[in-house]
Structures are given as structure tokens and as C-alpha cells.
C-alpha atoms as a PDB file:
ATOM      1  CA  MET A   1     -47.056-150.778 105.018  1.00  0.00           C
ATOM      2  CA  GLY A   2     -46.383-154.443 105.102  1.00  0.00           C
ATOM      3  CA  VAL A   3     -43.933-157.194 104.120  1.00  0.00           C
ATOM      4  CA  ASP A   4     -43.688-157.581 100.376  1.00  0.00           C
ATOM      5  CA  VAL A   5     -42.624-160.731  98.462  1.00  0.00           C
ATOM      6  CA  GLU A   6     -39.006-161.284  97.504  1.00  0.00           C
ATOM      7  CA  LEU A   7     -38.607-164.236  95.078  1.00  0.00           C
ATOM      8  CA  TYR A   8     -35.352-165.143  93.333  1.00  0.00           C
ATOM      9  CA  PHE A   9     -34.329-168.024  91.209  1.00  0.00           C
ATOM     10  CA  GLN A  10     -31.304-169.525  89.524  1.00  0.00           C
ATOM     11  CA  LYS A  11     -31.293-169.888  85.761  1.00  0.00           C
ATOM     12  CA  THR A  12     -29.523-173.102  84.777  1.00  0.00           C
ATOM     13  CA  GLY A  13     -30.742-173.429  81.166  1.00  0.00           C
ATOM     14  CA  GLU A  14     -33.372-172.242  78.765  1.00  0.00           C
ATOM     15  CA  LEU A  15     -36.276-170.432  80.504  1.00  0.00           C
ATOM     16  CA  GLU A  16     -39.319-171.966  78.788  1.00  0.00           C
ATOM     17  CA  PHE A  17     -42.120-171.406  81.252  1.00  0.00           C
ATOM     18  CA  GLU A  18     -45.317-173.543  81.047  1.00  0.00           C
ATOM     19  CA  ARG A  19     -47.624-170.513  81.541  1.00  0.00           C
ATOM     20  CA  GLU A  20     -47.542-166.757  81.859  1.00  0.00           C
ATOM     21  CA  PHE A  21     -47.041-165.427  85.347  1.00  0.00           C
ATOM     22  CA  PRO A  22     -49.990-163.739  87.052  1.00  0.00           C
ATOM     23  CA  ALA A  23     -50.516-160.042  86.386  1.00  0.00           C
ATOM     24  CA  GLY A  24     -48.069-157.920  88.337  1.00  0.00           C
ATOM     25  CA  TRP A  25     -45.186-160.457  88.308  1.00  0.00           C
ATOM     26  CA  GLU A  26     -42.328-159.406  86.045  1.00  0.00           C
ATOM     27  CA  VAL A  27     -39.100-161.366  85.766  1.00  0.00           C
ATOM     28  CA  CYS A  28     -35.888-159.428  85.717  1.00  0.00           C
ATOM     29  CA  GLU A  29     -32.162-160.035  86.326  1.00  0.00           C
ATOM     30  CA  ILE A  30     -31.350-159.879  89.997  1.00  0.00           C
ATOM     31  CA  ARG A  31     -30.007-156.538  91.228  1.00  0.00           C
ATOM     32  CA  ASP A  32     -26.323-156.435  92.238  1.00  0.00           C
ATOM     33  CA  TYR A  33     -27.025-155.548  95.948  1.00  0.00           C
ATOM     34  CA  LYS A  34     -29.297-158.513  96.307  1.00  0.00           C
ATOM     35  CA  LYS A  35     -26.768-160.801  94.674  1.00  0.00           C
ATOM     36  CA  GLU A  36     -24.411-160.277  97.604  1.00  0.00           C
ATOM     37  CA  ASP A  37     -26.700-162.380  99.924  1.00  0.00           C
ATOM     38  CA  HIS A  38     -27.790-164.754  97.125  1.00  0.00           C
ATOM     39  CA  PRO A  39     -24.796-165.310  94.811  1.00  0.00           C
ATOM     40  CA  GLU A  40     -26.359-168.284  93.050  1.00  0.00           C
ATOM     41  CA  ALA A  41     -29.527-166.290  92.125  1.00  0.00           C
ATOM     42  CA  THR A  42     -29.685-164.923  88.563  1.00  0.00           C
ATOM     43  CA  HIS A  43     -33.267-163.537  88.410  1.00  0.00           C
ATOM     44  CA  GLU A  44     -35.891-162.015  90.575  1.00  0.00           C
ATOM     45  CA  PHE A  45     -39.484-160.866  90.335  1.00  0.00           C
ATOM     46  CA  ASP A  46     -40.523-157.197  90.328  1.00  0.00           C
ATOM     47  CA  THR A  47     -43.856-157.297  92.158  1.00  0.00           C
ATOM     48  CA  MET A  48     -45.709-155.413  94.811  1.00  0.00           C
ATOM     49  CA  SER A  49     -47.383-158.537  96.147  1.00  0.00           C
ATOM     50  CA  ARG A  50     -47.703-158.909  99.854  1.00  0.00           C
ATOM     51  CA  LEU A  51     -45.933-161.921 101.482  1.00  0.00           C
ATOM     52  CA  TYR A  52     -47.943-165.034 102.504  1.00  0.00           C
ATOM     53  CA  SER A  53     -46.371-167.270 105.118  1.00  0.00           C
ATOM     54  CA  ASP A  54     -47.294-169.189 108.255  1.00  0.00           C
ATOM     55  CA  GLY A  55     -47.828-166.467 110.812  1.00  0.00           C
ATOM     56  CA  TYR A  56     -48.166-163.781 108.080  1.00  0.00           C
ATOM     57  CA  GLU A  57     -51.255-164.725 106.047  1.00  0.00           C
ATOM     58  CA  ARG A  58     -51.704-161.561 104.091  1.00  0.00           C
ATOM     59  CA  GLY A  59     -50.596-162.009 100.525  1.00  0.00           C
ATOM     60  CA  SER A  60     -52.368-163.796  97.625  1.00  0.00           C
ATOM     61  CA  TRP A  61     -51.087-167.325  98.085  1.00  0.00           C
ATOM     62  CA  PRO A  62     -52.828-168.551  94.938  1.00  0.00           C
ATOM     63  CA  ASP A  63     -50.814-166.067  92.832  1.00  0.00           C
ATOM     64  CA  ILE A  64     -47.588-166.625  94.723  1.00  0.00           C
ATOM     65  CA  CYS A  65     -48.085-170.393  94.525  1.00  0.00           C
ATOM     66  CA  ALA A  66     -48.671-170.229  90.796  1.00  0.00           C
ATOM     67  CA  VAL A  67     -45.358-168.382  90.291  1.00  0.00           C
ATOM     68  CA  LEU A  68     -43.535-170.877  92.425  1.00  0.00           C
ATOM     69  CA  MET A  69     -45.103-173.923  90.621  1.00  0.00           C
ATOM     70  CA  ILE A  70     -44.266-172.396  87.154  1.00  0.00           C
ATOM     71  CA  LEU A  71     -40.687-171.911  88.330  1.00  0.00           C
ATOM     72  CA  HIS A  72     -40.314-175.479  89.708  1.00  0.00           C
ATOM     73  CA  ALA A  73     -41.884-176.897  86.543  1.00  0.00           C
ATOM     74  CA  CYS A  74     -39.310-175.263  84.304  1.00  0.00           C
ATOM     75  CA  PRO A  75     -36.215-177.467  83.585  1.00  0.00           C
ATOM     76  CA  GLY A  76     -34.092-174.388  83.166  1.00  0.00           C
ATOM     77  CA  VAL A  77     -34.656-173.253  86.733  1.00  0.00           C
ATOM     78  CA  GLY A  78     -32.377-174.492  89.550  1.00  0.00           C
ATOM     79  CA  LYS A  79     -32.846-173.159  93.121  1.00  0.00           C
ATOM     80  CA  VAL A  80     -35.747-170.914  94.054  1.00  0.00           C
ATOM     81  CA  TRP A  81     -35.712-168.577  97.087  1.00  0.00           C
ATOM     82  CA  TYR A  82     -38.856-167.100  98.681  1.00  0.00           C
ATOM     83  CA  GLY A  83     -39.534-164.776 101.550  1.00  0.00           C
ATOM     84  CA  GLY A  84     -40.207-161.169 102.479  1.00  0.00           C
ATOM     85  CA  ASP A  85     -38.453-157.937 101.972  1.00  0.00           C
ATOM     86  CA  SER A  86     -37.856-157.747 105.710  1.00  0.00           C
ATOM     87  CA  TYR A  87     -35.692-160.918 105.639  1.00  0.00           C
ATOM     88  CA  VAL A  88     -31.975-160.637 105.764  1.00  0.00           C
ATOM     89  CA  SER A  89     -31.500-163.643 103.541  1.00  0.00           C
ATOM     90  CA  LEU A  90     -34.170-165.518 101.790  1.00  0.00           C
ATOM     91  CA  PRO A  91     -34.485-169.323 102.410  1.00  0.00           C
ATOM     92  CA  GLU A  92     -34.381-171.747  99.521  1.00  0.00           C
ATOM     93  CA  PHE A  93     -38.006-172.720  98.815  1.00  0.00           C
ATOM     94  CA  THR A  94     -38.412-176.263  97.443  1.00  0.00           C
ATOM     95  CA  VAL A  95     -41.335-178.120  95.951  1.00  0.00           C
ATOM     96  CA  ASP A  96     -42.038-179.594  99.464  1.00  0.00           C
ATOM     97  CA  ASP A  97     -42.066-176.047 100.922  1.00  0.00           C
ATOM     98  CA  VAL A  98     -44.693-175.023  98.246  1.00  0.00           C
ATOM     99  CA  LEU A  99     -46.812-178.085  99.208  1.00  0.00           C
ATOM    100  CA  ASP A 100     -46.462-177.350 102.889  1.00  0.00           C
ATOM    101  CA  LEU A 101     -47.478-173.698 102.581  1.00  0.00           C
ATOM    102  CA  SER A 102     -50.317-174.683 100.249  1.00  0.00           C
ATOM    103  CA  ASN A 103     -51.572-177.075 102.874  1.00  0.00           C
ATOM    104  CA  HIS A 104     -51.373-174.266 105.420  1.00  0.00           C
ATOM    105  CA  PHE A 105     -53.374-172.011 103.160  1.00  0.00           C
ATOM    106  CA  MET A 106     -56.060-174.654 102.543  1.00  0.00           C
ATOM    107  CA  LYS A 107     -56.435-175.049 106.312  1.00  0.00           C
ATOM    108  CA  HIS A 108     -56.260-171.439 107.369  1.00  0.00           C
ATOM    109  CA  GLY A 109     -56.562-169.161 104.285  1.00  0.00           C
ATOM    110  CA  GLU A 110     -56.131-165.580 105.352  1.00  0.00           C
ATOM    111  CA  ARG A 111     -58.352-165.932 108.338  1.00  0.00           C
ATOM    112  CA  PRO A 112     -55.569-165.634 110.988  1.00  0.00           C
ATOM    113  CA  TYR A 113     -54.810-162.100 109.599  1.00  0.00           C
ATOM    114  CA  ARG A 114     -58.450-161.043 109.168  1.00  0.00           C
ATOM    115  CA  SER A 115     -59.409-162.212 112.676  1.00  0.00           C
ATOM    116  CA  ARG A 116     -56.882-160.000 114.448  1.00  0.00           C
END
């Protein structure tokens, strides 16, 4: 058992994505009980992907990053939230956050997890 990805976004216009999402990443409308903590979110991803973060280097950052980049490249997407299913409330995840975590991945990969 581990911490799985939770990724929500706000639809502000037409959703015309530049590419298809990686396998195992399906867009759906956000469930009501999740909307309570994220009232601006309109959609989420149905995925079993493990979280990747600084201090939790387990998930496939290349796939997660691709999803985040596709979302941020879409003019019809407003805010994006990313975190794990153990979080009470997901933080907004900006383009700068994607770049920062990508930098962390390029420096550390998944080695901190594998070396434990």
C-alpha cells in the first residue's frame, strides 16, 4: 500500500488537449465528496499511479509530469491541484511547481526511495 496520485483541475473553457494522456490516466468529473475541499475543481483523474514528490520518490514522474504539462498547455484549464490521496487538501500546482519537481527528479530520480 502506498500514497496514490490525486490530480484535479478547473475547466474554464473548451478542453482541447495537445496530446493524449499516458495509459492509465482517465479524465472524469470530480466526485462530490472531493469537491467539498476543492470547490473550484471540475475534473479529476482516475488513476492508480503512485505519488512522486520531494521525500516520496515512488511514482512515475515522467508520466505525472506529462499529465501536468498537458493540462497547463490547455487554454481551457484554469487551476491544477496535485498531491496524494493521504492529503487532506491538495495544493494548487503551478507551472513553476512542475518545473521545480522536474528539477528534483533530474537530480534524484527514484534513488532516495530505492536506497532505503
